[in-house]
Amino acid sequence: MTSTVAPILFIQCLLSIMVTTTLADPITITRETFRTCRPGSWIGIPSDCCPPKVIQGPIVDFCPKYDASKPLRVRKALQCLSGDELNTYTRKLQKGYALMRALPDSDPRSLKRQNEIHCAYGTGSFIQDGSTNLTIDVHLNWLFLPWHRVFVYFHEKILQKLLGDPEFSLHYWNFDNSVTVTPENGSHGCYKAGHFVPPMYNDPSKATFEANRSFRAFKPSRPVDLSLDLAQWNPLTMGLPNFPNYTVEEQTRRNREVMHRSVITLGNTTSFIGKAYRVGDARIILPSEGAGTVELRPHNTLHVWIGGWMLQPITAPIDPIF
C-alpha cells in the first residue's frame, strides 16, 4: 500500500520545502551551535548528551558522490529475505553492531556517540545561533523525515566501514505491511506480512539484541500495534499506555486503517511532513501541535510499543532495532 503512495508524497514534500524555505532562513548548525550546547530535556526528563564543544577542521555541507558504474544498492524489506541472502545479511548486521559496540565511547562512530547525536538533536540541547532560549529539535516538525534519513545514511556508512564492505545496505523492518498474498499475473514481487519483530533482533547471543524492551517485542507471534493514539500522551503524568492484545486478524485490520489514514486520507504535503520549522520558531513540545501524520502514527506508536530504550529520544538509538 505505501510503496506507491509514499514516493509521490515524498517528492511533493521536497518540492514544498524548496518553495517554502525561501520565505525564511533555515536553521543552521555552526561552531557556535556546538559551543553553546547545554543539557536538554524531553517532556521534563533531563538529558546531557552534547558532542565535543570544539570542532576540529571545517564544517562543510555534505554532498554524496554518485558512481554510475556501480550497481544501485537496494534496501529490501526484511521479511522478503530468505536463504543465503538472509543468512549473509543477518551475519553481517550482527557483526557490524558487535564491532560498533566494541568501539570506545570517545569514538564518534560508537553506538554511544551515535545515540548522543540523536539525543542532542531531540532534547533541545542545541540553541539557535543568536538566541538564548530558542532551542532546536528535529522532532514534531518538518525536519523529522529528512534528518532521520540522513542519520540512517551515515549510520549505514559507519557499518560499511567497520565491516570493510562498501556495498552493505541496511534493509528495513516493513512493520506496516500486515498482509500476505499470493502474487498474480506472473509478478515476482514480495507480498509477505512484516508486522512481527524480525528474529535477527531477538537472539540474546548477538549484538543486535537488546534486553531493555517491552515483553511484547519478544512474542514472535504478536503483531505490532500501530493503532494506539498517543498524540496527547505524557509518560510522566499518564504512565505507560496499555496495548490491548488483539487477535492477529483484528490487529491487522486496525494497522491497515492507521496506515491508510496517515499516508492517504490525511496525506497532504503539510500534514504528512509536519509543521514548518524555521529560524526564530520556538521548539514544539506537544506531538499534536507539529508532528506529521507518519511521525504520530505509526512512528511514535511503534517506539512506545517496543518500549525500553525506544520509549524516548534520549536513548532510542541504543537499541539496534532503531
Protein backbone atom coordinates (compact mmCIF):
# COMPACT_ATOMS: atom_id res chain seq x y z
CA MET A 1 0.00 0.00 0.00
CA THR A 2 2.68 2.54 1.00
CA SER A 3 5.10 1.52 -1.75
CA THR A 4 3.33 3.58 -4.44
CA VAL A 5 1.93 6.46 -2.41
CA ALA A 6 4.91 7.30 -0.18
CA PRO A 7 7.37 8.14 -3.02
CA ILE A 8 4.85 10.52 -4.56
CA LEU A 9 4.24 12.24 -1.25
CA PHE A 10 7.99 12.42 -0.60
CA ILE A 11 8.52 14.24 -3.92
CA GLN A 12 5.70 16.61 -3.02
CA CYS A 13 7.37 17.20 0.35
CA LEU A 14 10.71 18.05 -1.26
CA LEU A 15 9.06 20.48 -3.66
CA SER A 16 7.18 22.07 -0.79
CA ILE A 17 10.37 22.52 1.23
CA MET A 18 12.20 24.02 -1.77
CA VAL A 19 9.44 26.59 -2.23
CA THR A 20 8.59 27.50 1.33
CA THR A 21 12.07 27.68 2.85
CA THR A 22 12.76 30.71 0.67
CA LEU A 23 10.32 32.65 2.84
CA ALA A 24 12.57 32.50 5.93
CA ASP A 25 16.08 31.47 6.86
CA PRO A 26 16.63 27.78 7.63
CA ILE A 27 18.04 26.71 10.97
CA THR A 28 21.78 26.14 10.54
CA ILE A 29 24.36 24.26 12.60
CA THR A 30 27.65 26.14 13.17
CA ARG A 31 30.63 26.06 15.53
CA GLU A 32 28.64 28.35 17.81
CA THR A 33 25.84 25.76 17.93
CA PHE A 34 28.26 23.18 19.33
CA ARG A 35 29.98 25.64 21.67
CA THR A 36 26.73 26.71 23.32
CA CYS A 37 25.26 23.19 23.62
CA ARG A 38 23.76 22.63 27.06
CA PRO A 39 21.84 19.90 28.93
CA GLY A 40 18.38 19.46 27.45
CA SER A 41 15.21 17.62 28.29
CA TRP A 42 12.32 15.68 26.82
CA ILE A 43 8.90 16.27 28.43
CA GLY A 44 10.68 17.09 31.69
CA ILE A 45 13.18 14.22 31.63
CA PRO A 46 16.70 15.76 31.80
CA SER A 47 19.48 14.82 29.40
CA ASP A 48 23.14 15.69 28.96
CA CYS A 49 24.40 14.44 25.60
CA CYS A 50 26.29 17.33 23.99
CA PRO A 51 29.04 16.46 21.50
CA PRO A 52 32.56 17.94 21.96
CA LYS A 53 32.25 21.71 22.10
CA VAL A 54 35.36 22.30 20.00
CA ILE A 55 35.16 21.02 16.42
CA GLN A 56 38.45 20.37 14.66
CA GLY A 57 38.58 21.18 10.97
CA PRO A 58 35.99 22.87 8.76
CA ILE A 59 32.26 22.24 8.84
CA VAL A 60 31.19 21.56 5.26
CA ASP A 61 27.92 20.75 3.56
CA PHE A 62 27.92 17.07 2.67
CA CYS A 63 27.37 16.17 -0.98
CA PRO A 64 27.00 12.42 -1.69
CA LYS A 65 29.08 11.07 -4.55
CA TYR A 66 27.29 9.12 -7.24
CA ASP A 67 29.18 6.48 -9.19
CA ALA A 68 27.14 5.44 -12.21
CA SER A 69 29.46 2.49 -12.83
CA LYS A 70 28.33 0.75 -9.67
CA PRO A 71 25.02 -1.11 -9.29
CA LEU A 72 22.30 0.62 -7.34
CA ARG A 73 22.16 -0.69 -3.78
CA VAL A 74 18.61 -1.60 -2.78
CA ARG A 75 17.15 -1.64 0.71
CA LYS A 76 14.78 -4.57 1.00
CA ALA A 77 12.01 -5.47 3.42
CA LEU A 78 13.44 -7.90 5.98
CA GLN A 79 10.55 -10.35 5.67
CA CYS A 80 11.38 -10.72 1.98
CA LEU A 81 14.91 -12.01 2.58
CA SER A 82 15.43 -15.77 2.54
CA GLY A 83 18.06 -18.47 2.13
CA ASP A 84 21.68 -17.40 1.64
CA GLU A 85 20.71 -13.75 1.28
CA LEU A 86 19.03 -13.73 4.69
CA ASN A 87 21.85 -15.64 6.36
CA THR A 88 24.54 -13.40 4.89
CA TYR A 89 22.72 -10.20 5.81
CA THR A 90 21.98 -11.38 9.36
CA ARG A 91 25.62 -12.35 9.91
CA LYS A 92 26.92 -9.01 8.62
CA LEU A 93 24.38 -6.96 10.55
CA GLN A 94 25.19 -8.72 13.82
CA LYS A 95 28.94 -8.46 13.20
CA GLY A 96 28.61 -4.77 12.37
CA TYR A 97 26.86 -3.99 15.63
CA ALA A 98 29.33 -6.12 17.59
CA LEU A 99 32.15 -4.01 16.12
CA MET A 100 30.26 -0.78 16.79
CA ARG A 101 29.58 -1.74 20.41
CA ALA A 102 33.27 -2.58 20.86
CA LEU A 103 34.44 0.92 19.88
CA PRO A 104 35.50 3.22 22.74
CA ASP A 105 32.87 5.75 23.78
CA SER A 106 35.17 8.54 22.60
CA ASP A 107 34.96 7.26 19.01
CA PRO A 108 32.26 9.25 17.13
CA ARG A 109 31.27 6.01 15.36
CA SER A 110 30.48 4.20 18.63
CA LEU A 111 26.92 3.26 19.49
CA LYS A 112 27.07 5.59 22.48
CA ARG A 113 28.06 8.58 20.39
CA GLN A 114 25.51 7.70 17.71
CA ASN A 115 22.86 7.76 20.42
CA GLU A 116 24.12 11.10 21.73
CA ILE A 117 23.76 12.68 18.30
CA HIS A 118 20.08 11.79 18.23
CA CYS A 119 19.71 12.78 21.87
CA ALA A 120 21.21 16.24 21.38
CA TYR A 121 19.02 16.95 18.36
CA GLY A 122 15.92 15.64 20.12
CA THR A 123 16.09 17.30 23.53
CA GLY A 124 16.62 20.99 22.82
CA SER A 125 20.32 20.80 23.72
CA PHE A 126 21.31 23.00 20.79
CA ILE A 127 20.33 26.67 20.66
CA GLN A 128 19.58 28.63 17.52
CA ASP A 129 22.52 30.92 16.76
CA GLY A 130 21.93 34.44 18.07
CA SER A 131 19.33 33.29 20.59
CA THR A 132 19.48 32.49 24.28
CA ASN A 133 16.33 30.42 24.55
CA LEU A 134 15.21 29.16 21.12
CA THR A 135 16.24 25.51 21.16
CA ILE A 136 16.48 23.05 18.27
CA ASP A 137 14.56 19.80 17.92
CA VAL A 138 14.26 17.61 14.82
CA HIS A 139 11.04 16.01 16.03
CA LEU A 140 7.43 17.19 15.76
CA ASN A 141 8.11 19.32 12.68
CA TRP A 142 9.13 19.03 9.03
CA LEU A 143 12.76 18.27 9.92
CA PHE A 144 11.76 14.83 11.20
CA LEU A 145 11.83 12.91 7.89
CA PRO A 146 14.94 14.42 6.21
CA TRP A 147 17.04 14.50 9.40
CA HIS A 148 16.41 10.86 10.25
CA ARG A 149 17.01 9.87 6.63
CA VAL A 150 20.46 11.45 6.82
CA PHE A 151 21.09 9.84 10.22
CA VAL A 152 20.38 6.38 8.77
CA TYR A 153 22.57 7.16 5.74
CA PHE A 154 25.63 7.88 7.87
CA HIS A 155 24.84 5.06 10.29
CA GLU A 156 24.94 2.74 7.29
CA LYS A 157 28.26 4.27 6.17
CA ILE A 158 29.76 3.53 9.60
CA LEU A 159 28.66 -0.10 9.40
CA GLN A 160 30.12 -0.36 5.88
CA LYS A 161 33.46 0.95 7.15
CA LEU A 162 33.54 -1.36 10.17
CA LEU A 163 32.63 -4.37 8.04
CA GLY A 164 35.04 -3.45 5.26
CA ASP A 165 32.10 -3.80 2.86
CA PRO A 166 31.19 -0.61 0.96
CA GLU A 167 28.24 -2.40 -0.67
CA PHE A 168 26.49 -3.30 2.60
CA SER A 169 22.91 -1.97 2.78
CA LEU A 170 20.73 -1.62 5.84
CA HIS A 171 17.49 -3.37 4.99
CA TYR A 172 14.34 -2.26 6.76
CA TRP A 173 11.65 -3.61 9.03
CA ASN A 174 8.47 -3.40 6.95
CA PHE A 175 6.25 -3.30 10.05
CA ASP A 176 3.33 -1.59 8.34
CA ASN A 177 2.75 -4.44 5.87
CA SER A 178 0.21 -6.68 7.59
CA VAL A 179 -0.94 -8.89 4.72
CA THR A 180 0.50 -11.91 2.91
CA VAL A 181 -0.97 -12.56 -0.54
CA THR A 182 -0.17 -14.77 -3.50
CA PRO A 183 1.38 -12.88 -6.45
CA GLU A 184 -0.81 -12.76 -9.54
CA ASN A 185 -0.16 -12.45 -13.27
CA GLY A 186 3.44 -13.61 -13.05
CA SER A 187 4.52 -10.94 -10.55
CA HIS A 188 7.81 -11.64 -8.79
CA GLY A 189 7.40 -9.09 -6.00
CA CYS A 190 7.36 -9.81 -2.28
CA TYR A 191 3.93 -9.99 -0.69
CA LYS A 192 4.70 -11.16 2.85
CA ALA A 193 3.43 -9.66 6.08
CA GLY A 194 6.15 -7.94 8.09
CA HIS A 195 4.30 -6.92 11.24
CA PHE A 196 6.24 -9.23 13.59
CA VAL A 197 9.59 -8.28 15.19
CA PRO A 198 12.35 -9.63 12.89
CA PRO A 199 14.01 -12.65 14.56
CA MET A 200 17.52 -11.28 13.93
CA TYR A 201 16.90 -8.68 16.64
CA ASN A 202 15.79 -11.19 19.28
CA ASP A 203 18.78 -13.53 19.56
CA PRO A 204 20.26 -12.87 23.06
CA SER A 205 23.71 -14.04 21.92
CA LYS A 206 24.00 -11.36 19.21
CA ALA A 207 24.87 -7.67 19.26
CA THR A 208 21.57 -6.75 17.59
CA PHE A 209 19.70 -7.94 20.70
CA GLU A 210 18.56 -5.51 23.39
CA ALA A 211 17.01 -6.84 26.58
CA ASN A 212 15.54 -3.47 27.53
CA ARG A 213 12.33 -3.79 25.54
CA SER A 214 8.71 -4.44 26.39
CA PHE A 215 7.66 -8.08 26.75
CA ARG A 216 5.56 -7.53 23.62
CA ALA A 217 8.66 -7.33 21.43
CA PHE A 218 9.72 -10.85 22.43
CA LYS A 219 6.50 -12.57 21.41
CA PRO A 220 7.18 -13.85 17.87
CA SER A 221 3.51 -14.36 17.03
CA ARG A 222 2.29 -10.97 18.29
CA PRO A 223 1.97 -8.32 15.56
CA VAL A 224 2.92 -4.74 16.29
CA ASP A 225 0.17 -2.34 17.28
CA LEU A 226 0.24 0.89 15.28
CA SER A 227 -3.27 1.95 16.21
CA LEU A 228 -2.97 3.45 19.69
CA ASP A 229 -3.32 7.24 19.52
CA LEU A 230 -0.54 8.83 21.59
CA ALA A 231 -0.91 12.43 20.38
CA GLN A 232 -1.75 13.63 23.91
CA TRP A 233 0.27 11.02 25.83
CA ASN A 234 2.73 12.16 28.51
CA PRO A 235 4.57 9.31 30.30
CA LEU A 236 5.37 11.49 33.31
CA THR A 237 1.74 12.14 34.12
CA MET A 238 -0.06 9.22 32.48
CA GLY A 239 2.31 6.26 32.85
CA LEU A 240 2.86 3.63 30.19
CA PRO A 241 -0.12 3.08 27.89
CA ASN A 242 -1.88 -0.24 27.69
CA PHE A 243 -1.78 -2.01 24.34
CA PRO A 244 -4.71 -4.45 24.07
CA ASN A 245 -3.79 -7.96 22.96
CA TYR A 246 -5.92 -8.12 19.82
CA THR A 247 -6.16 -11.16 17.60
CA VAL A 248 -3.88 -11.10 14.57
CA GLU A 249 -6.90 -10.50 12.34
CA GLU A 250 -8.17 -7.55 14.39
CA GLN A 251 -4.70 -6.02 14.75
CA THR A 252 -4.15 -6.34 11.01
CA ARG A 253 -7.40 -4.51 10.33
CA ARG A 254 -6.53 -1.71 12.77
CA ASN A 255 -2.98 -1.30 11.45
CA ARG A 256 -4.14 -1.09 7.84
CA GLU A 257 -6.70 1.51 8.85
CA VAL A 258 -3.99 3.60 10.54
CA MET A 259 -1.64 3.45 7.56
CA HIS A 260 -4.40 4.33 5.11
CA ARG A 261 -5.36 7.33 7.21
CA SER A 262 -1.78 8.54 7.85
CA VAL A 263 -0.47 8.12 4.32
CA ILE A 264 -3.51 8.59 2.10
CA THR A 265 -6.58 10.09 3.78
CA LEU A 266 -4.65 12.75 5.72
CA GLY A 267 -1.60 12.67 3.49
CA ASN A 268 -1.46 16.16 2.00
CA THR A 269 2.02 17.68 1.95
CA THR A 270 1.72 19.79 5.10
CA SER A 271 0.13 17.17 7.33
CA PHE A 272 2.40 14.39 6.04
CA ILE A 273 5.79 16.02 6.80
CA GLY A 274 4.80 18.10 9.82
CA LYS A 275 4.72 21.76 10.76
CA ALA A 276 7.18 24.24 9.26
CA TYR A 277 10.17 24.97 11.50
CA ARG A 278 12.48 27.89 10.70
CA VAL A 279 14.84 30.34 12.38
CA GLY A 280 13.02 32.17 15.14
CA ASP A 281 10.43 29.43 15.68
CA ALA A 282 10.05 28.00 19.17
CA ARG A 283 10.58 24.31 19.80
CA ILE A 284 7.36 22.32 19.52
CA ILE A 285 6.66 20.19 22.61
CA LEU A 286 3.30 18.51 22.01
CA PRO A 287 3.02 15.96 19.15
CA SER A 288 -0.48 17.15 18.31
CA GLU A 289 0.86 20.65 17.58
CA GLY A 290 3.51 19.85 15.00
CA ALA A 291 4.13 16.22 14.11
CA GLY A 292 3.30 14.90 10.66
CA THR A 293 0.84 12.05 10.26
CA VAL A 294 3.52 9.37 9.82
CA GLU A 295 5.55 10.63 12.78
CA LEU A 296 2.47 10.44 15.01
CA ARG A 297 1.34 7.04 13.81
CA PRO A 298 2.96 4.65 13.10
CA HIS A 299 6.34 6.07 14.23
CA ASN A 300 5.63 7.28 17.77
CA THR A 301 3.27 4.42 18.50
CA LEU A 302 5.81 1.81 17.43
CA HIS A 303 8.50 3.35 19.65
CA VAL A 304 6.22 3.04 22.66
CA TRP A 305 5.06 -0.47 21.66
CA ILE A 306 8.69 -1.68 21.62
CA GLY A 307 9.39 0.12 24.89
CA GLY A 308 12.63 0.20 26.87
CA TRP A 309 15.26 2.49 25.38
CA MET A 310 12.96 3.13 22.44
CA LEU A 311 10.47 4.99 24.61
CA GLN A 312 12.28 8.32 24.40
CA PRO A 313 14.61 10.22 22.04
CA ILE A 314 17.24 10.45 24.79
CA THR A 315 18.02 6.73 24.47
CA ALA A 316 16.23 5.27 21.40
CA PRO A 317 19.29 4.57 19.17
CA ILE A 318 20.88 2.44 21.92
CA ASP A 319 18.59 -0.31 20.61
CA PRO A 320 19.80 -1.51 17.17
CA ILE A 321 16.16 -2.02 16.13
CA PHE A 322 16.00 1.80 16.00
